Amino acid sequence: MTVHDFLWRGLLPLQVLLGVWALYFGFRRRPLGSSFFSGVIVDELLLILQALLGLAVFAEGARPDALHFLYGGLVVIILPIVYFYTNQRPRAGIWLGVTLLFMAGLIIRAYTTRGV
């Protein structure tokens, strides 16, 4: 088992945890605090690390389905896009929460297209 294969097991619950956290604050109309955004930064850095490790595994000869690259690429870029779109808006928590839960689904789909 590679680090790339192992890391998704930690990223999936992190997406769900951050997504539920954001939705909780969003529905209560409370601003997301610095603790949440620190978690999001760590999450994004781990996603970038996951992508780089995936490229290393690809360079070693692994050949996943083409959709694996689509899902992996979306997981890396979607959160910054939604963050900059919703920054300082009243419902930012809801948008970010739905996005993070959607990303959890993308991580599951990427796992199913990893190839063997």
PDB file of N, CA and C in Angstrom:
ATOM      1  N   MET A   1       0.842  -1.173   0.000  1.00  0.00           N
ATOM      2  CA  MET A   1       0.000   0.000   0.000  1.00  0.00           C
ATOM      3  C   MET A   1       0.894   1.245   0.000  1.00  0.00           C
ATOM      4  N   THR A   2       0.636   2.146  -0.931  1.00  0.00           N
ATOM      5  CA  THR A   2       1.416   3.376  -1.019  1.00  0.00           C
ATOM      6  C   THR A   2       0.838   4.448  -0.102  1.00  0.00           C
ATOM      7  N   VAL A   3       1.602   5.490   0.128  1.00  0.00           N
ATOM      8  CA  VAL A   3       1.113   6.613   0.927  1.00  0.00           C
ATOM      9  C   VAL A   3      -0.081   7.257   0.227  1.00  0.00           C
ATOM     10  N   HIS A   4      -0.038   7.303  -1.095  1.00  0.00           N
ATOM     11  CA  HIS A   4      -1.153   7.850  -1.862  1.00  0.00           C
ATOM     12  C   HIS A   4      -2.429   7.055  -1.590  1.00  0.00           C
ATOM     13  N   ASP A   5      -2.320   5.763  -1.543  1.00  0.00           N
ATOM     14  CA  ASP A   5      -3.484   4.910  -1.283  1.00  0.00           C
ATOM     15  C   ASP A   5      -3.947   5.046   0.163  1.00  0.00           C
ATOM     16  N   PHE A   6      -3.044   5.291   1.067  1.00  0.00           N
ATOM     17  CA  PHE A   6      -3.368   5.390   2.487  1.00  0.00           C
ATOM     18  C   PHE A   6      -3.971   6.752   2.849  1.00  0.00           C
ATOM     19  N   LEU A   7      -3.506   7.815   2.216  1.00  0.00           N
ATOM     20  CA  LEU A   7      -3.889   9.173   2.594  1.00  0.00           C
ATOM     21  C   LEU A   7      -5.371   9.462   2.378  1.00  0.00           C
ATOM     22  N   TRP A   8      -5.977   8.877   1.364  1.00  0.00           N
ATOM     23  CA  TRP A   8      -7.390   9.163   1.112  1.00  0.00           C
ATOM     24  C   TRP A   8      -8.253   8.733   2.289  1.00  0.00           C
ATOM     25  N   ARG A   9      -7.805   7.741   3.051  1.00  0.00           N
ATOM     26  CA  ARG A   9      -8.579   7.256   4.198  1.00  0.00           C
ATOM     27  C   ARG A   9      -8.663   8.304   5.303  1.00  0.00           C
ATOM     28  N   GLY A  10      -7.729   9.221   5.350  1.00  0.00           N
ATOM     29  CA  GLY A  10      -7.802  10.328   6.292  1.00  0.00           C
ATOM     30  C   GLY A  10      -8.481  11.549   5.700  1.00  0.00           C
ATOM     31  N   LEU A  11      -8.352  11.713   4.392  1.00  0.00           N
ATOM     32  CA  LEU A  11      -8.964  12.864   3.737  1.00  0.00           C
ATOM     33  C   LEU A  11     -10.488  12.762   3.694  1.00  0.00           C
ATOM     34  N   LEU A  12     -11.019  11.574   3.524  1.00  0.00           N
ATOM     35  CA  LEU A  12     -12.469  11.416   3.439  1.00  0.00           C
ATOM     36  C   LEU A  12     -13.173  11.869   4.713  1.00  0.00           C
ATOM     37  N   PRO A  13     -12.796  11.371   5.897  1.00  0.00           N
ATOM     38  CA  PRO A  13     -13.485  11.869   7.097  1.00  0.00           C
ATOM     39  C   PRO A  13     -13.211  13.351   7.375  1.00  0.00           C
ATOM     40  N   LEU A  14     -12.051  13.844   6.957  1.00  0.00           N
ATOM     41  CA  LEU A  14     -11.761  15.266   7.141  1.00  0.00           C
ATOM     42  C   LEU A  14     -12.727  16.120   6.324  1.00  0.00           C
ATOM     43  N   GLN A  15     -13.033  15.704   5.091  1.00  0.00           N
ATOM     44  CA  GLN A  15     -13.989  16.443   4.266  1.00  0.00           C
ATOM     45  C   GLN A  15     -15.361  16.463   4.934  1.00  0.00           C
ATOM     46  N   VAL A  16     -15.783  15.309   5.428  1.00  0.00           N
ATOM     47  CA  VAL A  16     -17.099  15.210   6.056  1.00  0.00           C
ATOM     48  C   VAL A  16     -17.148  16.069   7.323  1.00  0.00           C
ATOM     49  N   LEU A  17     -16.120  15.985   8.151  1.00  0.00           N
ATOM     50  CA  LEU A  17     -16.071  16.767   9.384  1.00  0.00           C
ATOM     51  C   LEU A  17     -16.129  18.267   9.091  1.00  0.00           C
ATOM     52  N   LEU A  18     -15.294  18.729   8.170  1.00  0.00           N
ATOM     53  CA  LEU A  18     -15.296  20.149   7.830  1.00  0.00           C
ATOM     54  C   LEU A  18     -16.606  20.563   7.172  1.00  0.00           C
ATOM     55  N   GLY A  19     -17.185  19.680   6.357  1.00  0.00           N
ATOM     56  CA  GLY A  19     -18.449  19.987   5.703  1.00  0.00           C
ATOM     57  C   GLY A  19     -19.586  20.146   6.694  1.00  0.00           C
ATOM     58  N   VAL A  20     -19.682  19.239   7.656  1.00  0.00           N
ATOM     59  CA  VAL A  20     -20.734  19.321   8.673  1.00  0.00           C
ATOM     60  C   VAL A  20     -20.511  20.554   9.548  1.00  0.00           C
ATOM     61  N   TRP A  21     -19.271  20.826   9.884  1.00  0.00           N
ATOM     62  CA  TRP A  21     -18.930  22.003  10.681  1.00  0.00           C
ATOM     63  C   TRP A  21     -19.386  23.276   9.965  1.00  0.00           C
ATOM     64  N   ALA A  22     -19.081  23.386   8.688  1.00  0.00           N
ATOM     65  CA  ALA A  22     -19.465  24.570   7.916  1.00  0.00           C
ATOM     66  C   ALA A  22     -20.983  24.687   7.808  1.00  0.00           C
ATOM     67  N   LEU A  23     -21.671  23.577   7.575  1.00  0.00           N
ATOM     68  CA  LEU A  23     -23.130  23.621   7.482  1.00  0.00           C
ATOM     69  C   LEU A  23     -23.753  24.038   8.809  1.00  0.00           C
ATOM     70  N   TYR A  24     -23.223  23.537   9.905  1.00  0.00           N
ATOM     71  CA  TYR A  24     -23.739  23.898  11.225  1.00  0.00           C
ATOM     72  C   TYR A  24     -23.686  25.415  11.420  1.00  0.00           C
ATOM     73  N   PHE A  25     -22.526  26.004  11.135  1.00  0.00           N
ATOM     74  CA  PHE A  25     -22.396  27.442  11.291  1.00  0.00           C
ATOM     75  C   PHE A  25     -23.200  28.198  10.239  1.00  0.00           C
ATOM     76  N   GLY A  26     -23.281  27.656   9.046  1.00  0.00           N
ATOM     77  CA  GLY A  26     -24.035  28.312   7.981  1.00  0.00           C
ATOM     78  C   GLY A  26     -25.522  28.386   8.282  1.00  0.00           C
ATOM     79  N   PHE A  27     -26.101  27.299   8.755  1.00  0.00           N
ATOM     80  CA  PHE A  27     -27.526  27.295   9.059  1.00  0.00           C
ATOM     81  C   PHE A  27     -27.851  28.115  10.309  1.00  0.00           C
ATOM     82  N   ARG A  28     -26.889  28.263  11.186  1.00  0.00           N
ATOM     83  CA  ARG A  28     -27.097  29.098  12.377  1.00  0.00           C
ATOM     84  C   ARG A  28     -26.751  30.562  12.105  1.00  0.00           C
ATOM     85  N   ARG A  29     -26.348  30.841  10.865  1.00  0.00           N
ATOM     86  CA  ARG A  29     -25.989  32.196  10.417  1.00  0.00           C
ATOM     87  C   ARG A  29     -24.870  32.800  11.269  1.00  0.00           C
ATOM     88  N   ARG A  30     -23.918  31.951  11.606  1.00  0.00           N
ATOM     89  CA  ARG A  30     -22.761  32.395  12.366  1.00  0.00           C
ATOM     90  C   ARG A  30     -21.551  32.401  11.442  1.00  0.00           C
ATOM     91  N   PRO A  31     -20.634  33.310  11.643  1.00  0.00           N
ATOM     92  CA  PRO A  31     -19.436  33.340  10.790  1.00  0.00           C
ATOM     93  C   PRO A  31     -18.516  32.161  11.099  1.00  0.00           C
ATOM     94  N   LEU A  32     -17.868  31.691  10.082  1.00  0.00           N
ATOM     95  CA  LEU A  32     -16.881  30.625  10.250  1.00  0.00           C
ATOM     96  C   LEU A  32     -15.631  31.238  10.867  1.00  0.00           C
ATOM     97  N   GLY A  33     -15.096  30.600  11.866  1.00  0.00           N
ATOM     98  CA  GLY A  33     -13.961  31.166  12.588  1.00  0.00           C
ATOM     99  C   GLY A  33     -12.619  30.764  12.016  1.00  0.00           C
ATOM    100  N   SER A  34     -11.594  31.264  12.660  1.00  0.00           N
ATOM    101  CA  SER A  34     -10.235  30.984  12.208  1.00  0.00           C
ATOM    102  C   SER A  34      -9.872  29.512  12.387  1.00  0.00           C
ATOM    103  N   SER A  35     -10.465  28.839  13.355  1.00  0.00           N
ATOM    104  CA  SER A  35     -10.204  27.407  13.539  1.00  0.00           C
ATOM    105  C   SER A  35     -10.684  26.626  12.320  1.00  0.00           C
ATOM    106  N   PHE A  36     -11.864  26.981  11.827  1.00  0.00           N
ATOM    107  CA  PHE A  36     -12.389  26.307  10.638  1.00  0.00           C
ATOM    108  C   PHE A  36     -11.464  26.539   9.447  1.00  0.00           C
ATOM    109  N   PHE A  37     -11.069  27.779   9.238  1.00  0.00           N
ATOM    110  CA  PHE A  37     -10.234  28.083   8.076  1.00  0.00           C
ATOM    111  C   PHE A  37      -8.836  27.486   8.201  1.00  0.00           C
ATOM    112  N   SER A  38      -8.354  27.326   9.417  1.00  0.00           N
ATOM    113  CA  SER A  38      -7.087  26.607   9.606  1.00  0.00           C
ATOM    114  C   SER A  38      -7.246  25.157   9.171  1.00  0.00           C
ATOM    115  N   GLY A  39      -8.381  24.564   9.521  1.00  0.00           N
ATOM    116  CA  GLY A  39      -8.665  23.198   9.082  1.00  0.00           C
ATOM    117  C   GLY A  39      -8.768  23.088   7.571  1.00  0.00           C
ATOM    118  N   VAL A  40      -9.369  24.079   6.951  1.00  0.00           N
ATOM    119  CA  VAL A  40      -9.503  24.088   5.491  1.00  0.00           C
ATOM    120  C   VAL A  40      -8.133  24.217   4.823  1.00  0.00           C
ATOM    121  N   ILE A  41      -7.262  25.026   5.392  1.00  0.00           N
ATOM    122  CA  ILE A  41      -5.916  25.178   4.824  1.00  0.00           C
ATOM    123  C   ILE A  41      -5.147  23.861   4.929  1.00  0.00           C
ATOM    124  N   VAL A  42      -5.222  23.225   6.080  1.00  0.00           N
ATOM    125  CA  VAL A  42      -4.564  21.919   6.244  1.00  0.00           C
ATOM    126  C   VAL A  42      -5.151  20.916   5.254  1.00  0.00           C
ATOM    127  N   ASP A  43      -6.466  20.940   5.121  1.00  0.00           N
ATOM    128  CA  ASP A  43      -7.141  20.043   4.187  1.00  0.00           C
ATOM    129  C   ASP A  43      -6.639  20.260   2.761  1.00  0.00           C
ATOM    130  N   GLU A  44      -6.576  21.500   2.334  1.00  0.00           N
ATOM    131  CA  GLU A  44      -6.138  21.788   0.961  1.00  0.00           C
ATOM    132  C   GLU A  44      -4.684  21.386   0.750  1.00  0.00           C
ATOM    133  N   LEU A  45      -3.839  21.612   1.747  1.00  0.00           N
ATOM    134  CA  LEU A  45      -2.440  21.195   1.619  1.00  0.00           C
ATOM    135  C   LEU A  45      -2.321  19.677   1.517  1.00  0.00           C
ATOM    136  N   LEU A  46      -3.133  18.960   2.287  1.00  0.00           N
ATOM    137  CA  LEU A  46      -3.124  17.496   2.190  1.00  0.00           C
ATOM    138  C   LEU A  46      -3.646  17.022   0.832  1.00  0.00           C
ATOM    139  N   LEU A  47      -4.624  17.726   0.284  1.00  0.00           N
ATOM    140  CA  LEU A  47      -5.134  17.366  -1.048  1.00  0.00           C
ATOM    141  C   LEU A  47      -4.064  17.588  -2.120  1.00  0.00           C
ATOM    142  N   ILE A  48      -3.318  18.664  -1.994  1.00  0.00           N
ATOM    143  CA  ILE A  48      -2.228  18.920  -2.944  1.00  0.00           C
ATOM    144  C   ILE A  48      -1.155  17.849  -2.804  1.00  0.00           C
ATOM    145  N   LEU A  49      -0.816  17.499  -1.564  1.00  0.00           N
ATOM    146  CA  LEU A  49       0.146  16.421  -1.325  1.00  0.00           C
ATOM    147  C   LEU A  49      -0.350  15.115  -1.936  1.00  0.00           C
ATOM    148  N   GLN A  50      -1.646  14.843  -1.777  1.00  0.00           N
ATOM    149  CA  GLN A  50      -2.233  13.624  -2.347  1.00  0.00           C
ATOM    150  C   GLN A  50      -2.082  13.613  -3.873  1.00  0.00           C
ATOM    151  N   ALA A  51      -2.320  14.757  -4.495  1.00  0.00           N
ATOM    152  CA  ALA A  51      -2.184  14.847  -5.954  1.00  0.00           C
ATOM    153  C   ALA A  51      -0.734  14.635  -6.388  1.00  0.00           C
ATOM    154  N   LEU A  52       0.191  15.227  -5.670  1.00  0.00           N
ATOM    155  CA  LEU A  52       1.609  15.056  -6.015  1.00  0.00           C
ATOM    156  C   LEU A  52       2.055  13.609  -5.825  1.00  0.00           C
ATOM    157  N   LEU A  53       1.592  12.972  -4.756  1.00  0.00           N
ATOM    158  CA  LEU A  53       1.910  11.560  -4.550  1.00  0.00           C
ATOM    159  C   LEU A  53       1.293  10.701  -5.655  1.00  0.00           C
ATOM    160  N   GLY A  54       0.098  11.090  -6.086  1.00  0.00           N
ATOM    161  CA  GLY A  54      -0.543  10.367  -7.184  1.00  0.00           C
ATOM    162  C   GLY A  54       0.257  10.463  -8.473  1.00  0.00           C
ATOM    163  N   LEU A  55       0.814  11.631  -8.734  1.00  0.00           N
ATOM    164  CA  LEU A  55       1.657  11.785  -9.921  1.00  0.00           C
ATOM    165  C   LEU A  55       2.913  10.932  -9.812  1.00  0.00           C
ATOM    166  N   ALA A  56       3.447  10.819  -8.592  1.00  0.00           N
ATOM    167  CA  ALA A  56       4.624   9.968  -8.390  1.00  0.00           C
ATOM    168  C   ALA A  56       4.278   8.496  -8.625  1.00  0.00           C
ATOM    169  N   VAL A  57       3.120   8.071  -8.156  1.00  0.00           N
ATOM    170  CA  VAL A  57       2.688   6.691  -8.376  1.00  0.00           C
ATOM    171  C   VAL A  57       2.463   6.449  -9.867  1.00  0.00           C
ATOM    172  N   PHE A  58       1.901   7.452 -10.557  1.00  0.00           N
ATOM    173  CA  PHE A  58       1.697   7.348 -12.000  1.00  0.00           C
ATOM    174  C   PHE A  58       3.037   7.219 -12.726  1.00  0.00           C
ATOM    175  N   ALA A  59       4.019   7.990 -12.285  1.00  0.00           N
ATOM    176  CA  ALA A  59       5.350   7.940 -12.902  1.00  0.00           C
ATOM    177  C   ALA A  59       6.009   6.579 -12.707  1.00  0.00           C
ATOM    178  N   GLU A  60       5.640   5.898 -11.632  1.00  0.00           N
ATOM    179  CA  GLU A  60       6.187   4.564 -11.379  1.00  0.00           C
ATOM    180  C   GLU A  60       5.488   3.474 -12.178  1.00  0.00           C
ATOM    181  N   GLY A  61       4.426   3.836 -12.896  1.00  0.00           N
ATOM    182  CA  GLY A  61       3.803   2.865 -13.775  1.00  0.00           C
ATOM    183  C   GLY A  61       2.351   2.529 -13.497  1.00  0.00           C
ATOM    184  N   ALA A  62       1.755   3.049 -12.442  1.00  0.00           N
ATOM    185  CA  ALA A  62       0.334   2.784 -12.177  1.00  0.00           C
ATOM    186  C   ALA A  62      -0.507   3.484 -13.235  1.00  0.00           C
ATOM    187  N   ARG A  63      -1.541   2.831 -13.683  1.00  0.00           N
ATOM    188  CA  ARG A  63      -2.404   3.396 -14.725  1.00  0.00           C
ATOM    189  C   ARG A  63      -3.875   3.321 -14.307  1.00  0.00           C
ATOM    190  N   PRO A  64      -4.344   4.330 -13.534  1.00  0.00           N
ATOM    191  CA  PRO A  64      -5.757   4.352 -13.169  1.00  0.00           C
ATOM    192  C   PRO A  64      -6.623   4.782 -14.352  1.00  0.00           C
ATOM    193  N   ASP A  65      -7.939   4.663 -14.179  1.00  0.00           N
ATOM    194  CA  ASP A  65      -8.866   5.142 -15.203  1.00  0.00           C
ATOM    195  C   ASP A  65      -8.670   6.645 -15.410  1.00  0.00           C
ATOM    196  N   ALA A  66      -9.028   7.119 -16.584  1.00  0.00           N
ATOM    197  CA  ALA A  66      -8.897   8.551 -16.877  1.00  0.00           C
ATOM    198  C   ALA A  66      -9.750   9.400 -15.942  1.00  0.00           C
ATOM    199  N   LEU A  67     -10.901   8.864 -15.525  1.00  0.00           N
ATOM    200  CA  LEU A  67     -11.758   9.607 -14.607  1.00  0.00           C
ATOM    201  C   LEU A  67     -11.082   9.870 -13.264  1.00  0.00           C
ATOM    202  N   HIS A  68     -10.138   9.027 -12.881  1.00  0.00           N
ATOM    203  CA  HIS A  68      -9.416   9.218 -11.627  1.00  0.00           C
ATOM    204  C   HIS A  68      -8.714  10.579 -11.609  1.00  0.00           C
ATOM    205  N   PHE A  69      -8.149  10.971 -12.739  1.00  0.00           N
ATOM    206  CA  PHE A  69      -7.477  12.262 -12.834  1.00  0.00           C
ATOM    207  C   PHE A  69      -8.475  13.411 -12.782  1.00  0.00           C
ATOM    208  N   LEU A  70      -9.648  13.222 -13.387  1.00  0.00           N
ATOM    209  CA  LEU A  70     -10.695  14.242 -13.336  1.00  0.00           C
ATOM    210  C   LEU A  70     -11.149  14.471 -11.900  1.00  0.00           C
ATOM    211  N   TYR A  71     -11.477  13.388 -11.202  1.00  0.00           N
ATOM    212  CA  TYR A  71     -11.935  13.517  -9.818  1.00  0.00           C
ATOM    213  C   TYR A  71     -10.839  14.102  -8.933  1.00  0.00           C
ATOM    214  N   GLY A  72      -9.625  13.620  -9.089  1.00  0.00           N
ATOM    215  CA  GLY A  72      -8.515  14.132  -8.295  1.00  0.00           C
ATOM    216  C   GLY A  72      -8.249  15.606  -8.562  1.00  0.00           C
ATOM    217  N   GLY A  73      -8.308  15.994  -9.814  1.00  0.00           N
ATOM    218  CA  GLY A  73      -8.101  17.405 -10.151  1.00  0.00           C
ATOM    219  C   GLY A  73      -9.195  18.301  -9.610  1.00  0.00           C
ATOM    220  N   LEU A  74     -10.442  17.840  -9.704  1.00  0.00           N
ATOM    221  CA  LEU A  74     -11.551  18.628  -9.165  1.00  0.00           C
ATOM    222  C   LEU A  74     -11.443  18.805  -7.662  1.00  0.00           C
ATOM    223  N   VAL A  75     -11.045  17.740  -6.972  1.00  0.00           N
ATOM    224  CA  VAL A  75     -10.920  17.815  -5.520  1.00  0.00           C
ATOM    225  C   VAL A  75      -9.895  18.878  -5.124  1.00  0.00           C
ATOM    226  N   VAL A  76      -8.850  19.036  -5.904  1.00  0.00           N
ATOM    227  CA  VAL A  76      -7.802  20.006  -5.563  1.00  0.00           C
ATOM    228  C   VAL A  76      -8.251  21.438  -5.857  1.00  0.00           C
ATOM    229  N   ILE A  77      -8.982  21.674  -6.937  1.00  0.00           N
ATOM    230  CA  ILE A  77      -9.269  23.057  -7.334  1.00  0.00           C
ATOM    231  C   ILE A  77     -10.624  23.596  -6.885  1.00  0.00           C
ATOM    232  N   ILE A  78     -11.567  22.729  -6.543  1.00  0.00           N
ATOM    233  CA  ILE A  78     -12.924  23.209  -6.286  1.00  0.00           C
ATOM    234  C   ILE A  78     -13.041  24.024  -5.004  1.00  0.00           C
ATOM    235  N   LEU A  79     -12.347  23.644  -3.954  1.00  0.00           N
ATOM    236  CA  LEU A  79     -12.463  24.358  -2.683  1.00  0.00           C
ATOM    237  C   LEU A  79     -11.950  25.798  -2.763  1.00  0.00           C
ATOM    238  N   PRO A  80     -10.771  26.040  -3.336  1.00  0.00           N
ATOM    239  CA  PRO A  80     -10.344  27.449  -3.458  1.00  0.00           C
ATOM    240  C   PRO A  80     -11.300  28.289  -4.315  1.00  0.00           C
ATOM    241  N   ILE A  81     -11.850  27.699  -5.357  1.00  0.00           N
ATOM    242  CA  ILE A  81     -12.788  28.437  -6.213  1.00  0.00           C
ATOM    243  C   ILE A  81     -14.022  28.847  -5.423  1.00  0.00           C
ATOM    244  N   VAL A  82     -14.613  27.892  -4.715  1.00  0.00           N
ATOM    245  CA  VAL A  82     -15.826  28.197  -3.937  1.00  0.00           C
ATOM    246  C   VAL A  82     -15.503  29.163  -2.802  1.00  0.00           C
ATOM    247  N   TYR A  83     -14.361  28.998  -2.168  1.00  0.00           N
ATOM    248  CA  TYR A  83     -13.987  29.918  -1.090  1.00  0.00           C
ATOM    249  C   TYR A  83     -13.904  31.357  -1.596  1.00  0.00           C
ATOM    250  N   PHE A  84     -13.212  31.582  -2.692  1.00  0.00           N
ATOM    251  CA  PHE A  84     -13.068  32.944  -3.195  1.00  0.00           C
ATOM    252  C   PHE A  84     -14.392  33.502  -3.722  1.00  0.00           C
ATOM    253  N   TYR A  85     -15.277  32.619  -4.182  1.00  0.00           N
ATOM    254  CA  TYR A  85     -16.587  33.076  -4.644  1.00  0.00           C
ATOM    255  C   TYR A  85     -17.479  33.477  -3.471  1.00  0.00           C
ATOM    256  N   THR A  86     -17.400  32.731  -2.372  1.00  0.00           N
ATOM    257  CA  THR A  86     -18.310  32.957  -1.252  1.00  0.00           C
ATOM    258  C   THR A  86     -17.703  33.767  -0.114  1.00  0.00           C
ATOM    259  N   ASN A  87     -16.448  34.148  -0.210  1.00  0.00           N
ATOM    260  CA  ASN A  87     -15.777  34.846   0.879  1.00  0.00           C
ATOM    261  C   ASN A  87     -16.576  36.075   1.311  1.00  0.00           C
ATOM    262  N   GLN A  88     -16.835  36.172   2.612  1.00  0.00           N
ATOM    263  CA  GLN A  88     -17.544  37.296   3.237  1.00  0.00           C
ATOM    264  C   GLN A  88     -19.012  37.403   2.814  1.00  0.00           C
ATOM    265  N   ARG A  89     -19.603  36.327   2.344  1.00  0.00           N
ATOM    266  CA  ARG A  89     -21.026  36.347   2.024  1.00  0.00           C
ATOM    267  C   ARG A  89     -21.789  35.737   3.192  1.00  0.00           C
ATOM    268  N   PRO A  90     -23.055  36.108   3.343  1.00  0.00           N
ATOM    269  CA  PRO A  90     -23.808  35.638   4.510  1.00  0.00           C
ATOM    270  C   PRO A  90     -23.971  34.121   4.585  1.00  0.00           C
ATOM    271  N   ARG A  91     -24.079  33.451   3.500  1.00  0.00           N
ATOM    272  CA  ARG A  91     -24.299  32.000   3.491  1.00  0.00           C
ATOM    273  C   ARG A  91     -23.044  31.221   3.112  1.00  0.00           C
ATOM    274  N   ALA A  92     -21.881  31.759   3.402  1.00  0.00           N
ATOM    275  CA  ALA A  92     -20.622  31.102   3.030  1.00  0.00           C
ATOM    276  C   ALA A  92     -20.515  29.725   3.662  1.00  0.00           C
ATOM    277  N   GLY A  93     -20.985  29.562   4.892  1.00  0.00           N
ATOM    278  CA  GLY A  93     -20.911  28.273   5.564  1.00  0.00           C
ATOM    279  C   GLY A  93     -21.683  27.193   4.835  1.00  0.00           C
ATOM    280  N   ILE A  94     -22.841  27.539   4.323  1.00  0.00           N
ATOM    281  CA  ILE A  94     -23.649  26.558   3.591  1.00  0.00           C
ATOM    282  C   ILE A  94     -22.955  26.171   2.291  1.00  0.00           C
ATOM    283  N   TRP A  95     -22.465  27.166   1.557  1.00  0.00           N
ATOM    284  CA  TRP A  95     -21.765  26.881   0.304  1.00  0.00           C
ATOM    285  C   TRP A  95     -20.537  26.011   0.532  1.00  0.00           C
ATOM    286  N   LEU A  96     -19.734  26.378   1.528  1.00  0.00           N
ATOM    287  CA  LEU A  96     -18.522  25.612   1.800  1.00  0.00           C
ATOM    288  C   LEU A  96     -18.857  24.219   2.327  1.00  0.00           C
ATOM    289  N   GLY A  97     -19.895  24.116   3.148  1.00  0.00           N
ATOM    290  CA  GLY A  97     -20.293  22.812   3.670  1.00  0.00           C
ATOM    291  C   GLY A  97     -20.735  21.863   2.573  1.00  0.00           C
ATOM    292  N   VAL A  98     -21.570  22.352   1.672  1.00  0.00           N
ATOM    293  CA  VAL A  98     -22.026  21.516   0.555  1.00  0.00           C
ATOM    294  C   VAL A  98     -20.844  21.140  -0.337  1.00  0.00           C
ATOM    295  N   THR A  99     -19.953  22.082  -0.559  1.00  0.00           N
ATOM    296  CA  THR A  99     -18.768  21.808  -1.386  1.00  0.00           C
ATOM    297  C   THR A  99     -17.896  20.731  -0.756  1.00  0.00           C
ATOM    298  N   LEU A 100     -17.652  20.829   0.537  1.00  0.00           N
ATOM    299  CA  LEU A 100     -16.807  19.839   1.209  1.00  0.00           C
ATOM    300  C   LEU A 100     -17.452  18.453   1.192  1.00  0.00           C
ATOM    301  N   LEU A 101     -18.762  18.374   1.357  1.00  0.00           N
ATOM    302  CA  LEU A 101     -19.435  17.074   1.284  1.00  0.00           C
ATOM    303  C   LEU A 101     -19.415  16.527  -0.147  1.00  0.00           C
ATOM    304  N   PHE A 102     -19.544  17.426  -1.123  1.00  0.00           N
ATOM    305  CA  PHE A 102     -19.412  17.021  -2.524  1.00  0.00           C
ATOM    306  C   PHE A 102     -18.013  16.475  -2.790  1.00  0.00           C
ATOM    307  N   MET A 103     -17.009  17.126  -2.201  1.00  0.00           N
ATOM    308  CA  MET A 103     -15.629  16.668  -2.352  1.00  0.00           C
ATOM    309  C   MET A 103     -15.436  15.288  -1.727  1.00  0.00           C
ATOM    310  N   ALA A 104     -16.136  15.014  -0.630  1.00  0.00           N
ATOM    311  CA  ALA A 104     -16.074  13.679  -0.030  1.00  0.00           C
ATOM    312  C   ALA A 104     -16.577  12.650  -1.035  1.00  0.00           C
ATOM    313  N   GLY A 105     -17.644  12.991  -1.748  1.00  0.00           N
ATOM    314  CA  GLY A 105     -18.147  12.098  -2.787  1.00  0.00           C
ATOM    315  C   GLY A 105     -17.147  11.915  -3.914  1.00  0.00           C
ATOM    316  N   LEU A 106     -16.464  12.989  -4.285  1.00  0.00           N
ATOM    317  CA  LEU A 106     -15.440  12.887  -5.326  1.00  0.00           C
ATOM    318  C   LEU A 106     -14.278  12.001  -4.887  1.00  0.00           C
ATOM    319  N   ILE A 107     -13.927  12.070  -3.610  1.00  0.00           N
ATOM    320  CA  ILE A 107     -12.851  11.221  -3.101  1.00  0.00           C
ATOM    321  C   ILE A 107     -13.259   9.755  -3.197  1.00  0.00           C
ATOM    322  N   ILE A 108     -14.513   9.454  -2.869  1.00  0.00           N
ATOM    323  CA  ILE A 108     -14.999   8.071  -2.997  1.00  0.00           C
ATOM    324  C   ILE A 108     -14.959   7.633  -4.456  1.00  0.00           C
ATOM    325  N   ARG A 109     -15.415   8.506  -5.361  1.00  0.00           N
ATOM    326  CA  ARG A 109     -15.396   8.161  -6.791  1.00  0.00           C
ATOM    327  C   ARG A 109     -13.962   7.987  -7.290  1.00  0.00           C
ATOM    328  N   ALA A 110     -13.052   8.825  -6.840  1.00  0.00           N
ATOM    329  CA  ALA A 110     -11.650   8.682  -7.256  1.00  0.00           C
ATOM    330  C   ALA A 110     -11.116   7.338  -6.782  1.00  0.00           C
ATOM    331  N   TYR A 111     -11.489   6.930  -5.593  1.00  0.00           N
ATOM    332  CA  TYR A 111     -11.035   5.624  -5.079  1.00  0.00           C
ATOM    333  C   TYR A 111     -11.552   4.482  -5.959  1.00  0.00           C
ATOM    334  N   THR A 112     -12.791   4.598  -6.417  1.00  0.00           N
ATOM    335  CA  THR A 112     -13.364   3.522  -7.226  1.00  0.00           C
ATOM    336  C   THR A 112     -12.771   3.449  -8.623  1.00  0.00           C
ATOM    337  N   THR A 113     -12.108   4.509  -9.058  1.00  0.00           N
ATOM    338  CA  THR A 113     -11.514   4.514 -10.408  1.00  0.00           C
ATOM    339  C   THR A 113      -9.994   4.388 -10.356  1.00  0.00           C
ATOM    340  N   ARG A 114      -9.452   3.986  -9.237  1.00  0.00           N
ATOM    341  CA  ARG A 114      -8.003   3.966  -9.062  1.00  0.00           C
ATOM    342  C   ARG A 114      -7.325   2.880  -9.858  1.00  0.00           C
ATOM    343  N   GLY A 115      -8.040   1.855 -10.266  1.00  0.00           N
ATOM    344  CA  GLY A 115      -7.396   0.730 -10.941  1.00  0.00           C
ATOM    345  C   GLY A 115      -6.676  -0.146  -9.938  1.00  0.00           C
ATOM    346  N   VAL A 116      -6.182  -1.238 -10.386  1.00  0.00           N
ATOM    347  CA  VAL A 116      -5.486  -2.152  -9.454  1.00  0.00           C
ATOM    348  C   VAL A 116      -4.140  -2.533 -10.015  1.00  0.00           C
TER     349      VAL A 116
END
